[in-house]
């Protein structure tokens, strides 16, 4: 069962959102995560999925700074800077997970919460036990 108060204690960057919105997303993610797949880490998986969805849905960037946290909602984009004697350039691109043919990686690679969730998947389960996730190139032939 999703506990909105426990979630907000663990992820205070979301406490400026309406509890009903947090609870709605949390309950949906709670219904998606298997009751048995993660064992004792199940609740953590639910909270990571919830944080991922909330970070994508709501603009809470200012809250990270107020809470003294690094912005966990922007890992999908990497920035590269270079300088020489005559110029300074900056470029951005999508990270390798977001560009992946695997829809699961492409989705969860967009936030730090999602990346931590993917890491937990790798540590606890073979991907085939989580969801059948064909490559995008196989789907759109």
C-alpha atoms as a PDB file:
ATOM      1  CA  UNK A   1       0.000   0.000   0.000  1.00  0.00           C
ATOM      2  CA  UNK A   2       1.402   3.384  -1.010  1.00  0.00           C
ATOM      3  CA  UNK A   3       2.143   5.635   1.994  1.00  0.00           C
ATOM      4  CA  UNK A   4       2.202   9.243   0.798  1.00  0.00           C
ATOM      5  CA  UNK A   5       3.676  10.591   4.056  1.00  0.00           C
ATOM      6  CA  UNK A   6       6.538   8.082   4.050  1.00  0.00           C
ATOM      7  CA  UNK A   7       7.193   8.867   0.386  1.00  0.00           C
ATOM      8  CA  UNK A   8       7.353  12.613   1.107  1.00  0.00           C
ATOM      9  CA  UNK A   9       9.755  11.999   4.012  1.00  0.00           C
ATOM     10  CA  UNK A  10      12.053  10.039   1.702  1.00  0.00           C
ATOM     11  CA  UNK A  11      11.684  12.456  -1.219  1.00  0.00           C
ATOM     12  CA  UNK A  12      11.071  15.929   0.298  1.00  0.00           C
ATOM     13  CA  UNK A  13      11.549  17.607  -3.082  1.00  0.00           C
ATOM     14  CA  UNK A  14       7.957  16.604  -3.888  1.00  0.00           C
ATOM     15  CA  UNK A  15       6.328  18.024  -0.737  1.00  0.00           C
ATOM     16  CA  UNK A  16       5.236  21.200  -2.535  1.00  0.00           C
ATOM     17  CA  UNK A  17       2.891  19.139  -4.717  1.00  0.00           C
ATOM     18  CA  UNK A  18      -0.672  18.448  -3.703  1.00  0.00           C
ATOM     19  CA  UNK A  19      -0.810  15.228  -1.714  1.00  0.00           C
ATOM     20  CA  UNK A  20      -3.732  14.016  -3.834  1.00  0.00           C
ATOM     21  CA  UNK A  21      -1.540  14.209  -6.967  1.00  0.00           C
ATOM     22  CA  UNK A  22       1.350  12.404  -5.268  1.00  0.00           C
ATOM     23  CA  UNK A  23      -1.007   9.781  -3.847  1.00  0.00           C
ATOM     24  CA  UNK A  24      -2.681   9.220  -7.241  1.00  0.00           C
ATOM     25  CA  UNK A  25       0.616   8.587  -9.008  1.00  0.00           C
ATOM     26  CA  UNK A  26       1.873   6.480  -6.093  1.00  0.00           C
ATOM     27  CA  UNK A  27      -1.194   4.272  -6.053  1.00  0.00           C
ATOM     28  CA  UNK A  28      -0.918   3.676  -9.789  1.00  0.00           C
ATOM     29  CA  UNK A  29       2.759   2.722  -9.497  1.00  0.00           C
ATOM     30  CA  UNK A  30       1.939   0.537  -6.480  1.00  0.00           C
ATOM     31  CA  UNK A  31      -0.536  -1.397  -8.611  1.00  0.00           C
ATOM     32  CA  UNK A  32       2.067  -1.932 -11.368  1.00  0.00           C
ATOM     33  CA  UNK A  33       4.964  -3.268  -9.286  1.00  0.00           C
ATOM     34  CA  UNK A  34       4.794  -7.005  -8.590  1.00  0.00           C
ATOM     35  CA  UNK A  35       4.087  -8.014  -5.005  1.00  0.00           C
ATOM     36  CA  UNK A  36       6.858 -10.615  -5.138  1.00  0.00           C
ATOM     37  CA  UNK A  37       9.459  -9.578  -7.703  1.00  0.00           C
ATOM     38  CA  UNK A  38      11.481  -7.177  -5.548  1.00  0.00           C
ATOM     39  CA  UNK A  39      11.094  -8.899  -2.177  1.00  0.00           C
ATOM     40  CA  UNK A  40      11.986  -6.519   0.649  1.00  0.00           C
ATOM     41  CA  UNK A  41      12.859  -3.794  -1.895  1.00  0.00           C
ATOM     42  CA  UNK A  42       9.340  -3.620  -3.341  1.00  0.00           C
ATOM     43  CA  UNK A  43       8.335  -0.413  -1.527  1.00  0.00           C
ATOM     44  CA  UNK A  44      11.575   1.259  -2.609  1.00  0.00           C
ATOM     45  CA  UNK A  45      10.830   0.290  -6.222  1.00  0.00           C
ATOM     46  CA  UNK A  46       7.329   1.794  -5.930  1.00  0.00           C
ATOM     47  CA  UNK A  47       8.755   5.033  -4.496  1.00  0.00           C
ATOM     48  CA  UNK A  48      11.408   5.294  -7.226  1.00  0.00           C
ATOM     49  CA  UNK A  49       8.807   4.786  -9.943  1.00  0.00           C
ATOM     50  CA  UNK A  50       6.562   7.368  -8.277  1.00  0.00           C
ATOM     51  CA  UNK A  51       9.397   9.913  -7.994  1.00  0.00           C
ATOM     52  CA  UNK A  52      10.299   9.291 -11.646  1.00  0.00           C
ATOM     53  CA  UNK A  53       6.738   9.919 -12.845  1.00  0.00           C
ATOM     54  CA  UNK A  54       6.317  13.003 -10.652  1.00  0.00           C
ATOM     55  CA  UNK A  55       9.658  14.467 -11.774  1.00  0.00           C
ATOM     56  CA  UNK A  56       8.600  14.114 -15.398  1.00  0.00           C
ATOM     57  CA  UNK A  57       5.102  15.438 -14.846  1.00  0.00           C
ATOM     58  CA  UNK A  58       5.684  18.451 -12.581  1.00  0.00           C
ATOM     59  CA  UNK A  59       8.169  21.313 -12.797  1.00  0.00           C
ATOM     60  CA  UNK A  60       9.784  21.047  -9.372  1.00  0.00           C
ATOM     61  CA  UNK A  61      13.282  22.172 -10.364  1.00  0.00           C
ATOM     62  CA  UNK A  62      13.382  25.010  -7.811  1.00  0.00           C
ATOM     63  CA  UNK A  63      12.609  22.584  -5.000  1.00  0.00           C
ATOM     64  CA  UNK A  64      15.872  20.729  -5.552  1.00  0.00           C
ATOM     65  CA  UNK A  65      17.886  23.871  -4.789  1.00  0.00           C
ATOM     66  CA  UNK A  66      15.715  24.842  -1.815  1.00  0.00           C
ATOM     67  CA  UNK A  67      16.147  21.369  -0.313  1.00  0.00           C
ATOM     68  CA  UNK A  68      19.886  21.342  -1.069  1.00  0.00           C
ATOM     69  CA  UNK A  69      19.550  18.518  -3.586  1.00  0.00           C
ATOM     70  CA  UNK A  70      20.923  18.006  -7.056  1.00  0.00           C
ATOM     71  CA  UNK A  71      18.247  18.174  -9.749  1.00  0.00           C
ATOM     72  CA  UNK A  72      17.100  14.569 -10.213  1.00  0.00           C
ATOM     73  CA  UNK A  73      14.790  15.312 -13.107  1.00  0.00           C
ATOM     74  CA  UNK A  74      17.291  16.155 -15.832  1.00  0.00           C
ATOM     75  CA  UNK A  75      19.504  13.128 -16.357  1.00  0.00           C
ATOM     76  CA  UNK A  76      17.986  12.440 -19.760  1.00  0.00           C
ATOM     77  CA  UNK A  77      20.049  15.261 -21.227  1.00  0.00           C
ATOM     78  CA  UNK A  78      23.823  15.481 -20.984  1.00  0.00           C
ATOM     79  CA  UNK A  79      25.757  18.690 -21.482  1.00  0.00           C
ATOM     80  CA  UNK A  80      29.179  18.947 -23.018  1.00  0.00           C
ATOM     81  CA  UNK A  81      31.294  22.105 -22.782  1.00  0.00           C
ATOM     82  CA  UNK A  82      34.522  22.893 -24.583  1.00  0.00           C
ATOM     83  CA  UNK A  83      36.731  25.933 -24.741  1.00  0.00           C
ATOM     84  CA  UNK A  84      39.672  27.084 -26.820  1.00  0.00           C
ATOM     85  CA  UNK A  85      41.569  30.339 -27.147  1.00  0.00           C
ATOM     86  CA  UNK A  86      38.999  31.727 -29.557  1.00  0.00           C
ATOM     87  CA  UNK A  87      35.715  30.116 -28.629  1.00  0.00           C
ATOM     88  CA  UNK A  88      33.504  28.575 -25.999  1.00  0.00           C
ATOM     89  CA  UNK A  89      30.850  26.056 -26.952  1.00  0.00           C
ATOM     90  CA  UNK A  90      28.209  24.084 -25.152  1.00  0.00           C
ATOM     91  CA  UNK A  91      26.108  21.286 -26.566  1.00  0.00           C
ATOM     92  CA  UNK A  92      23.441  18.993 -25.211  1.00  0.00           C
ATOM     93  CA  UNK A  93      22.286  15.564 -26.273  1.00  0.00           C
ATOM     94  CA  UNK A  94      20.128  12.745 -24.994  1.00  0.00           C
ATOM     95  CA  UNK A  95      21.941  10.184 -22.845  1.00  0.00           C
ATOM     96  CA  UNK A  96      22.496   6.637 -24.098  1.00  0.00           C
ATOM     97  CA  UNK A  97      19.586   5.208 -22.095  1.00  0.00           C
ATOM     98  CA  UNK A  98      17.075   7.666 -23.561  1.00  0.00           C
ATOM     99  CA  UNK A  99      18.338   6.920 -27.091  1.00  0.00           C
ATOM    100  CA  UNK A 100      18.078   3.177 -26.438  1.00  0.00           C
ATOM    101  CA  UNK A 101      15.955   0.862 -28.576  1.00  0.00           C
ATOM    102  CA  UNK A 102      14.665  -0.608 -25.312  1.00  0.00           C
ATOM    103  CA  UNK A 103      11.510   1.331 -24.307  1.00  0.00           C
ATOM    104  CA  UNK A 104      12.018   0.498 -20.613  1.00  0.00           C
ATOM    105  CA  UNK A 105      15.498   2.048 -20.633  1.00  0.00           C
ATOM    106  CA  UNK A 106      14.353   4.974 -22.775  1.00  0.00           C
ATOM    107  CA  UNK A 107      11.615   5.820 -20.269  1.00  0.00           C
ATOM    108  CA  UNK A 108      13.467   5.357 -16.984  1.00  0.00           C
ATOM    109  CA  UNK A 109      16.729   6.829 -18.305  1.00  0.00           C
ATOM    110  CA  UNK A 110      15.217  10.309 -18.180  1.00  0.00           C
ATOM    111  CA  UNK A 111      15.579  10.913 -14.410  1.00  0.00           C
ATOM    112  CA  UNK A 112      17.936   9.934 -11.615  1.00  0.00           C
ATOM    113  CA  UNK A 113      15.041   8.148  -9.935  1.00  0.00           C
ATOM    114  CA  UNK A 114      14.475   6.110 -13.069  1.00  0.00           C
ATOM    115  CA  UNK A 115      18.168   5.291 -13.384  1.00  0.00           C
ATOM    116  CA  UNK A 116      18.209   4.078  -9.783  1.00  0.00           C
ATOM    117  CA  UNK A 117      15.123   1.970 -10.548  1.00  0.00           C
ATOM    118  CA  UNK A 118      16.885   0.432 -13.577  1.00  0.00           C
ATOM    119  CA  UNK A 119      19.907  -0.284 -11.405  1.00  0.00           C
ATOM    120  CA  UNK A 120      17.677  -2.046  -8.873  1.00  0.00           C
ATOM    121  CA  UNK A 121      16.155  -4.102 -11.684  1.00  0.00           C
ATOM    122  CA  UNK A 122      19.604  -5.221 -12.782  1.00  0.00           C
ATOM    123  CA  UNK A 123      20.549  -6.136  -9.219  1.00  0.00           C
ATOM    124  CA  UNK A 124      17.383  -8.048  -8.349  1.00  0.00           C
ATOM    125  CA  UNK A 125      15.786  -9.488 -11.497  1.00  0.00           C
ATOM    126  CA  UNK A 126      16.533 -10.537 -15.025  1.00  0.00           C
ATOM    127  CA  UNK A 127      14.712  -8.065 -17.279  1.00  0.00           C
ATOM    128  CA  UNK A 128      12.668 -10.798 -18.871  1.00  0.00           C
ATOM    129  CA  UNK A 129      10.908 -11.282 -15.543  1.00  0.00           C
ATOM    130  CA  UNK A 130       9.950  -7.603 -15.312  1.00  0.00           C
ATOM    131  CA  UNK A 131       8.311  -6.842 -18.628  1.00  0.00           C
ATOM    132  CA  UNK A 132       8.581  -8.014 -22.193  1.00  0.00           C
ATOM    133  CA  UNK A 133      10.225  -5.048 -23.838  1.00  0.00           C
ATOM    134  CA  UNK A 134      11.075  -5.502 -27.530  1.00  0.00           C
ATOM    135  CA  UNK A 135      13.474  -3.167 -29.287  1.00  0.00           C
ATOM    136  CA  UNK A 136      11.802  -0.223 -31.001  1.00  0.00           C
ATOM    137  CA  UNK A 137      13.394  -1.236 -34.312  1.00  0.00           C
ATOM    138  CA  UNK A 138      11.660  -4.628 -34.047  1.00  0.00           C
ATOM    139  CA  UNK A 139       8.261  -3.022 -33.445  1.00  0.00           C
ATOM    140  CA  UNK A 140       8.410  -0.521 -36.318  1.00  0.00           C
ATOM    141  CA  UNK A 141       9.561  -2.706 -39.214  1.00  0.00           C
END
